[in-house]
Amino acid sequence: MVPTEYGIASPSRPDDIEPLGRLNRQAAEARIADSRAAWPDVYLVQRAGKIWVPACEQ
């Protein structure tokens, strides 16, 4: 099983993803909440391999 990695993405620069590493989902959501204070359009992405996909909001 490949661990899930989270990152931060922006619609204005979809190919420029800031990897957050292998945090758990709760920690990744806390980081994205902090980032949204400065950049409201950022969103959480995840990958368990090579391809980043938007993380579903829970």
N, C-alpha and C. Protein backbone atom coordinates (compact mmCIF):
# COMPACT_ATOMS: atom_id res chain seq x y z
N MET A 1 0.84 -1.18 0.00
CA MET A 1 0.00 0.00 0.00
C MET A 1 0.89 1.25 0.00
N VAL A 2 0.58 2.18 -0.89
CA VAL A 2 1.33 3.43 -1.01
C VAL A 2 0.70 4.46 -0.08
N PRO A 3 1.49 5.13 0.76
CA PRO A 3 0.91 6.14 1.65
C PRO A 3 0.41 7.35 0.87
N THR A 4 -0.59 8.02 1.41
CA THR A 4 -1.15 9.21 0.79
C THR A 4 -0.31 10.42 1.16
N GLU A 5 0.00 11.22 0.14
CA GLU A 5 0.72 12.48 0.34
C GLU A 5 -0.24 13.62 0.02
N TYR A 6 -0.20 14.67 0.80
CA TYR A 6 -1.06 15.83 0.58
C TYR A 6 -0.25 17.02 0.09
N GLY A 7 -0.94 17.95 -0.57
CA GLY A 7 -0.31 19.15 -1.06
C GLY A 7 -1.31 20.28 -1.16
N ILE A 8 -0.79 21.46 -1.46
CA ILE A 8 -1.62 22.66 -1.62
C ILE A 8 -1.51 23.09 -3.08
N ALA A 9 -2.66 23.36 -3.69
CA ALA A 9 -2.70 23.80 -5.09
C ALA A 9 -3.55 25.06 -5.20
N SER A 10 -3.40 25.76 -6.32
CA SER A 10 -4.16 26.96 -6.59
C SER A 10 -4.70 26.89 -8.02
N PRO A 11 -5.94 27.34 -8.24
CA PRO A 11 -6.49 27.32 -9.60
C PRO A 11 -5.68 28.18 -10.58
N SER A 12 -5.04 29.22 -10.07
CA SER A 12 -4.27 30.09 -10.95
C SER A 12 -2.93 29.47 -11.38
N ARG A 13 -2.45 28.47 -10.61
CA ARG A 13 -1.20 27.77 -10.94
C ARG A 13 -1.35 26.29 -10.64
N PRO A 14 -2.18 25.58 -11.39
CA PRO A 14 -2.50 24.18 -11.07
C PRO A 14 -1.32 23.22 -11.12
N ASP A 15 -0.27 23.56 -11.86
CA ASP A 15 0.89 22.66 -11.94
C ASP A 15 1.94 22.96 -10.87
N ASP A 16 1.71 24.00 -10.09
CA ASP A 16 2.66 24.39 -9.04
C ASP A 16 2.09 23.95 -7.69
N ILE A 17 2.32 22.70 -7.33
CA ILE A 17 1.77 22.13 -6.10
C ILE A 17 2.84 22.15 -5.01
N GLU A 18 2.47 22.62 -3.84
CA GLU A 18 3.38 22.61 -2.70
C GLU A 18 3.12 21.34 -1.90
N PRO A 19 4.00 20.37 -1.98
CA PRO A 19 3.81 19.13 -1.21
C PRO A 19 3.88 19.39 0.30
N LEU A 20 2.99 18.77 1.03
CA LEU A 20 2.99 18.87 2.49
C LEU A 20 3.62 17.64 3.13
N GLY A 21 3.92 16.65 2.33
CA GLY A 21 4.50 15.42 2.87
C GLY A 21 3.42 14.44 3.27
N ARG A 22 3.82 13.48 4.04
CA ARG A 22 2.90 12.41 4.43
C ARG A 22 2.27 12.71 5.78
N LEU A 23 1.50 13.77 5.82
CA LEU A 23 0.73 14.13 7.01
C LEU A 23 -0.55 13.30 7.03
N ASN A 24 -1.17 13.20 8.19
CA ASN A 24 -2.50 12.60 8.19
C ASN A 24 -3.50 13.64 7.67
N ARG A 25 -4.68 13.19 7.36
CA ARG A 25 -5.68 14.07 6.74
C ARG A 25 -5.99 15.28 7.61
N GLN A 26 -6.13 15.08 8.91
CA GLN A 26 -6.47 16.17 9.82
C GLN A 26 -5.37 17.24 9.83
N ALA A 27 -4.12 16.84 9.86
CA ALA A 27 -3.01 17.79 9.84
C ALA A 27 -2.95 18.54 8.51
N ALA A 28 -3.21 17.86 7.41
CA ALA A 28 -3.22 18.50 6.09
C ALA A 28 -4.34 19.52 6.01
N GLU A 29 -5.51 19.21 6.54
CA GLU A 29 -6.62 20.16 6.53
C GLU A 29 -6.31 21.38 7.40
N ALA A 30 -5.60 21.19 8.49
CA ALA A 30 -5.20 22.33 9.33
C ALA A 30 -4.23 23.23 8.56
N ARG A 31 -3.30 22.64 7.81
CA ARG A 31 -2.35 23.44 7.02
C ARG A 31 -3.05 24.21 5.92
N ILE A 32 -4.03 23.58 5.26
CA ILE A 32 -4.73 24.29 4.19
C ILE A 32 -5.58 25.42 4.78
N ALA A 33 -6.14 25.23 5.94
CA ALA A 33 -6.92 26.29 6.59
C ALA A 33 -6.03 27.49 6.89
N ASP A 34 -4.80 27.26 7.35
CA ASP A 34 -3.86 28.36 7.58
C ASP A 34 -3.51 29.06 6.28
N SER A 35 -3.29 28.30 5.21
CA SER A 35 -2.93 28.89 3.92
C SER A 35 -4.08 29.72 3.34
N ARG A 36 -5.30 29.30 3.58
CA ARG A 36 -6.46 30.03 3.04
C ARG A 36 -6.62 31.40 3.67
N ALA A 37 -6.03 31.61 4.83
CA ALA A 37 -6.09 32.94 5.45
C ALA A 37 -5.38 33.97 4.55
N ALA A 38 -4.31 33.55 3.90
CA ALA A 38 -3.56 34.45 3.01
C ALA A 38 -3.97 34.31 1.55
N TRP A 39 -4.29 33.09 1.13
CA TRP A 39 -4.64 32.80 -0.26
C TRP A 39 -5.96 32.02 -0.28
N PRO A 40 -7.09 32.71 -0.33
CA PRO A 40 -8.40 32.04 -0.20
C PRO A 40 -8.75 31.03 -1.29
N ASP A 41 -8.07 31.08 -2.43
CA ASP A 41 -8.44 30.17 -3.52
C ASP A 41 -7.67 28.85 -3.50
N VAL A 42 -6.76 28.64 -2.55
CA VAL A 42 -6.00 27.39 -2.53
C VAL A 42 -6.88 26.23 -2.10
N TYR A 43 -6.49 25.03 -2.50
CA TYR A 43 -7.26 23.84 -2.13
C TYR A 43 -6.32 22.67 -1.88
N LEU A 44 -6.83 21.66 -1.22
CA LEU A 44 -6.04 20.49 -0.84
C LEU A 44 -6.06 19.47 -1.96
N VAL A 45 -4.88 18.93 -2.27
CA VAL A 45 -4.76 17.84 -3.24
C VAL A 45 -4.08 16.67 -2.55
N GLN A 46 -4.23 15.50 -3.15
CA GLN A 46 -3.61 14.30 -2.58
C GLN A 46 -3.15 13.38 -3.69
N ARG A 47 -2.20 12.53 -3.34
CA ARG A 47 -1.76 11.50 -4.29
C ARG A 47 -1.27 10.29 -3.51
N ALA A 48 -1.45 9.16 -4.12
CA ALA A 48 -0.93 7.90 -3.59
C ALA A 48 -0.20 7.22 -4.73
N GLY A 49 0.70 7.94 -5.32
CA GLY A 49 1.43 7.51 -6.50
C GLY A 49 2.02 8.74 -7.15
N LYS A 50 1.77 8.91 -8.46
CA LYS A 50 2.38 10.01 -9.19
C LYS A 50 1.43 11.17 -9.47
N ILE A 51 0.14 10.92 -9.51
CA ILE A 51 -0.81 11.92 -9.99
C ILE A 51 -1.54 12.59 -8.83
N TRP A 52 -1.48 13.93 -8.81
CA TRP A 52 -2.22 14.71 -7.80
C TRP A 52 -3.68 14.82 -8.22
N VAL A 53 -4.59 14.68 -7.28
CA VAL A 53 -6.03 14.87 -7.51
C VAL A 53 -6.58 15.70 -6.36
N PRO A 54 -7.64 16.48 -6.62
CA PRO A 54 -8.24 17.23 -5.51
C PRO A 54 -8.71 16.28 -4.41
N ALA A 55 -8.43 16.66 -3.18
CA ALA A 55 -8.90 15.88 -2.03
C ALA A 55 -10.35 16.25 -1.77
N CYS A 56 -11.18 15.28 -1.57
CA CYS A 56 -12.60 15.53 -1.30
C CYS A 56 -12.74 16.20 0.07
N GLU A 57 -13.59 17.19 0.14
CA GLU A 57 -13.86 17.86 1.41
C GLU A 57 -14.64 16.91 2.31
N GLN A 58 -14.28 16.87 3.57
CA GLN A 58 -15.00 16.00 4.50
C GLN A 58 -15.63 16.80 5.58
